[in-house]
Protein backbone atom coordinates (compact mmCIF):
# COMPACT_ATOMS: atom_id res chain seq x y z
CA MET A 1 -9.05 -8.55 -9.08
CA LEU A 2 -7.96 -5.80 -6.67
CA ASN A 3 -11.04 -3.73 -7.49
CA THR A 4 -13.24 -6.71 -6.72
CA ILE A 5 -11.50 -7.35 -3.41
CA ALA A 6 -11.65 -3.64 -2.53
CA GLY A 7 -15.35 -3.44 -3.41
CA THR A 8 -15.20 -0.93 -6.26
CA LEU A 9 -16.17 -3.65 -8.75
CA SER A 10 -18.80 -6.32 -8.12
CA ALA A 11 -17.95 -9.97 -8.73
CA ASP A 12 -20.07 -11.90 -11.24
CA SER A 13 -19.95 -15.00 -9.06
CA GLY A 14 -18.30 -16.47 -5.98
CA GLU A 15 -17.66 -14.94 -2.58
CA ILE A 16 -15.00 -12.74 -1.00
CA ASP A 17 -13.92 -13.50 2.56
CA LEU A 18 -11.73 -10.97 4.34
CA ALA A 19 -10.49 -11.54 7.89
CA ASP A 20 -13.18 -14.20 8.45
CA HIS A 21 -15.90 -11.84 7.23
CA ASN A 22 -17.95 -12.40 4.08
CA VAL A 23 -17.70 -9.00 2.39
CA SER A 24 -19.08 -9.99 -1.02
CA LYS A 25 -21.99 -7.54 -0.78
CA LYS A 26 -20.35 -5.01 1.54
CA SER A 27 -19.30 -1.45 0.74
CA VAL A 28 -15.76 -0.12 0.33
CA ALA A 29 -16.11 1.68 3.67
CA TYR A 30 -17.11 -1.53 5.45
CA ARG A 31 -14.17 -3.46 3.99
CA SER A 32 -11.76 -0.70 4.98
CA ARG A 33 -12.02 -1.88 8.59
CA TRP A 34 -9.62 -4.66 7.67
CA MET A 35 -8.09 -3.52 4.40
CA SER A 36 -5.94 -0.62 3.16
CA ARG A 37 -5.00 0.36 -0.37
CA VAL A 38 -2.23 2.41 -1.96
CA PHE A 39 -2.94 3.63 -5.49
CA GLN A 40 -0.71 4.29 -8.50
CA ASP A 41 -1.37 8.03 -8.27
CA PRO A 42 0.35 9.43 -5.13
CA LYS A 43 -2.37 12.09 -4.89
CA MET A 44 -5.11 9.52 -4.27
CA GLY A 45 -3.88 8.36 -0.87
CA THR A 46 -3.45 11.74 0.78
CA ALA A 47 -5.29 15.05 1.25
CA GLY A 48 -3.16 17.68 -0.48
CA ASP A 49 -4.52 20.72 1.34
CA LEU A 50 -3.87 19.21 4.78
CA THR A 51 -0.46 19.04 6.43
CA VAL A 52 1.60 15.88 6.81
CA LEU A 53 0.60 15.76 10.47
CA GLN A 54 -3.10 16.24 9.75
CA ASN A 55 -3.01 13.44 7.17
CA LEU A 56 -1.48 11.09 9.72
CA VAL A 57 -4.08 12.02 12.33
CA LEU A 58 -6.87 11.30 9.85
CA ALA A 59 -5.34 7.93 9.02
CA GLN A 60 -5.04 7.15 12.73
CA SER A 61 -8.63 8.20 13.38
CA HIS A 62 -9.70 5.53 10.91
CA THR A 63 -9.63 3.11 13.83
CA ASN A 64 -9.88 5.56 16.75
CA THR A 65 -12.11 8.41 17.87
CA ALA A 66 -9.41 11.00 17.24
CA ASN A 67 -10.06 14.37 15.65
CA LEU A 68 -7.78 17.00 14.16
CA HIS A 69 -7.20 18.60 17.58
CA TRP A 70 -5.63 15.39 18.87
CA TYR A 71 -2.33 16.06 17.16
CA GLN A 72 -1.69 19.11 19.33
CA LYS A 73 -0.46 16.86 22.14
CA LYS A 74 3.33 16.94 22.23
CA ASP A 75 3.65 13.21 22.82
CA ASP A 76 1.58 12.47 19.72
CA VAL A 77 3.63 14.86 17.60
CA LYS A 78 6.79 13.12 18.73
CA LYS A 79 5.26 9.73 17.92
CA TYR A 80 4.47 10.81 14.38
CA GLN A 81 7.96 12.26 13.94
CA GLU A 82 9.47 8.92 14.93
CA LEU A 83 7.20 7.09 12.48
CA LEU A 84 8.17 9.46 9.67
CA LYS A 85 11.87 8.95 10.41
CA THR A 86 11.52 5.27 9.49
CA LEU A 87 10.80 6.34 5.90
CA ASN A 88 14.23 7.99 5.52
CA MET A 89 12.77 10.76 3.38
CA GLY A 90 13.11 13.67 5.78
CA LEU A 91 9.34 13.98 6.23
CA GLU A 92 9.74 14.39 9.98
CA ASN A 93 10.97 17.90 9.17
CA PHE A 94 7.80 18.80 7.23
CA LEU A 95 5.07 17.98 9.74
CA ASN A 96 3.29 21.30 9.18
CA THR A 97 3.78 21.38 5.41
CA GLN A 98 0.77 20.86 3.15
CA VAL A 99 1.12 17.50 1.43
CA LYS A 100 0.59 19.02 -2.03
CA TYR A 101 4.07 20.52 -1.79
CA LEU A 102 5.79 17.14 -1.30
CA SER A 103 7.48 15.20 -4.09
CA GLY A 104 5.70 12.20 -5.61
CA GLY A 105 7.98 9.81 -3.76
CA GLN A 106 7.49 11.52 -0.41
CA ARG A 107 3.75 11.57 -0.92
CA GLN A 108 3.63 7.88 -1.83
CA ALA A 109 5.79 6.96 1.17
CA LEU A 110 3.39 8.93 3.36
CA SER A 111 0.47 7.07 1.76
CA LEU A 112 2.13 3.78 2.66
CA LEU A 113 2.63 4.84 6.25
CA MET A 114 -0.97 6.02 6.50
CA ALA A 115 -2.27 2.79 4.98
CA THR A 116 -0.44 0.66 7.53
CA LEU A 117 -1.10 2.66 10.71
CA SER A 118 -4.17 0.57 11.48
CA GLN A 119 -2.28 -2.72 10.97
CA PRO A 120 -4.66 -3.92 8.22
CA LYS A 121 -5.35 -7.60 7.65
CA LEU A 122 -4.74 -6.98 3.94
CA LEU A 123 -2.70 -4.31 2.17
CA LEU A 124 -3.43 -3.74 -1.52
CA LEU A 125 -0.71 -2.09 -3.61
CA ASP A 126 -2.11 -1.01 -6.96
CA GLU A 127 1.02 -0.36 -9.08
CA HIS A 128 2.05 2.07 -6.37
CA THR A 129 5.49 2.83 -7.88
CA ALA A 130 4.45 3.09 -11.55
CA ALA A 131 4.12 6.90 -11.53
CA LEU A 132 7.55 7.46 -9.95
CA ASP A 133 10.95 7.90 -11.59
CA PRO A 134 13.23 4.80 -11.48
CA LYS A 135 15.34 5.96 -8.51
CA THR A 136 12.35 7.01 -6.41
CA SER A 137 10.52 3.83 -7.40
CA GLN A 138 13.36 1.76 -5.95
CA GLU A 139 13.36 3.81 -2.75
CA VAL A 140 9.59 3.40 -2.28
CA MET A 141 9.81 -0.34 -2.98
CA LYS A 142 12.53 -0.66 -0.33
CA ILE A 143 10.34 1.22 2.16
CA THR A 144 7.40 -0.99 1.21
CA ASP A 145 9.35 -4.20 1.73
CA GLU A 146 10.70 -3.08 5.10
CA MET A 147 7.24 -2.01 6.27
CA VAL A 148 5.56 -5.24 5.16
CA GLN A 149 8.25 -7.38 6.80
CA ARG A 150 8.35 -5.37 10.02
CA LYS A 151 4.57 -5.34 10.48
CA HIS A 152 4.01 -8.86 9.07
CA LEU A 153 1.36 -7.61 6.64
CA THR A 154 -0.44 -9.84 4.18
CA THR A 155 0.00 -7.90 0.95
CA MET A 156 -1.14 -8.11 -2.66
CA MET A 157 0.82 -6.03 -5.15
CA ILE A 158 0.17 -5.40 -8.83
CA THR A 159 3.29 -4.62 -10.84
CA HIS A 160 4.40 -4.69 -14.46
CA LYS A 161 8.07 -4.50 -13.46
CA MET A 162 9.55 -7.95 -13.90
CA SER A 163 12.43 -7.19 -11.53
CA ASP A 164 10.05 -6.25 -8.71
CA ALA A 165 7.83 -9.26 -9.40
CA LEU A 166 10.85 -11.54 -9.02
CA LYS A 167 12.49 -9.78 -6.08
CA TYR A 168 9.57 -9.17 -3.74
CA GLY A 169 6.94 -11.40 -2.19
CA ASN A 170 6.69 -15.13 -1.62
CA ARG A 171 4.12 -15.88 -4.34
CA LEU A 172 3.77 -14.68 -7.91
CA ILE A 173 0.58 -14.89 -9.96
CA MET A 174 0.69 -13.84 -13.59
CA VAL A 175 -2.66 -12.86 -15.12
CA GLN A 176 -3.20 -12.33 -18.83
CA ASP A 177 -6.55 -11.75 -20.56
CA GLY A 178 -8.32 -12.45 -17.28
CA GLN A 179 -6.72 -15.88 -16.92
CA ILE A 180 -4.04 -17.10 -14.51
CA LYS A 181 -1.06 -18.05 -16.68
CA LEU A 182 1.42 -18.73 -13.89
CA ASP A 183 1.21 -19.31 -10.14
CA VAL A 184 4.48 -20.00 -8.31
CA LYS A 185 5.54 -19.75 -4.68
CA GLY A 186 8.24 -20.84 -2.26
CA GLU A 187 11.45 -22.24 -3.76
CA ALA A 188 9.97 -22.32 -7.26
CA LYS A 189 9.39 -18.58 -7.07
CA GLN A 190 12.87 -17.94 -5.62
CA SER A 191 14.56 -19.74 -8.50
CA LEU A 192 12.42 -18.13 -11.22
CA GLU A 193 14.30 -16.00 -13.75
CA LYS A 194 13.20 -13.08 -15.89
CA GLU A 195 13.43 -15.08 -19.13
CA GLN A 196 11.07 -17.72 -17.74
CA LEU A 197 8.63 -15.04 -16.69
CA LEU A 198 8.66 -13.42 -20.13
CA ALA A 199 8.28 -16.80 -21.80
CA ALA A 200 5.12 -17.44 -19.77
CA PHE A 201 3.44 -14.54 -21.60
CA ALA A 202 3.99 -16.34 -24.88
């Protein structure tokens, strides 16, 4: 479903509307004007050979006419440092470090920040904590939740972690064998328990 929305997989039928635009036949690049995506692999959302600062500038230039010389302005450097501080991962101290030397959690947190710089109409999270260890996964989920709430982002997240499925979001859709098995929201979602969720698979 996420691949179809993102444009990497064509739909057999129906239409896809994104931010009042019919994007059913549009490219991934065209859809990226309104949509951002964070992948399971932390390496997919960042450029490893570029520094943290250069990655942020590239993400910013997605919606501006900036180039890699733009970041040399002191005010812009300070702005990026303040943004990185909100992640609570110490990345503000590694502005000139190549991203390939960051931990998986730091890299994924940076990917999240980059994906939300343009205030997308839709944020797609494709099992974005699955490749992280349990502790780091919790930290990245906390950062994700805070970012989504603070920026009021419409978000779709794929997860196989029952605890995350229950804890985060205001709607839960369970898909099995290409079919929707469960669709709950509001109070029904809030009161849902893990046992009920597991039972739905049966």
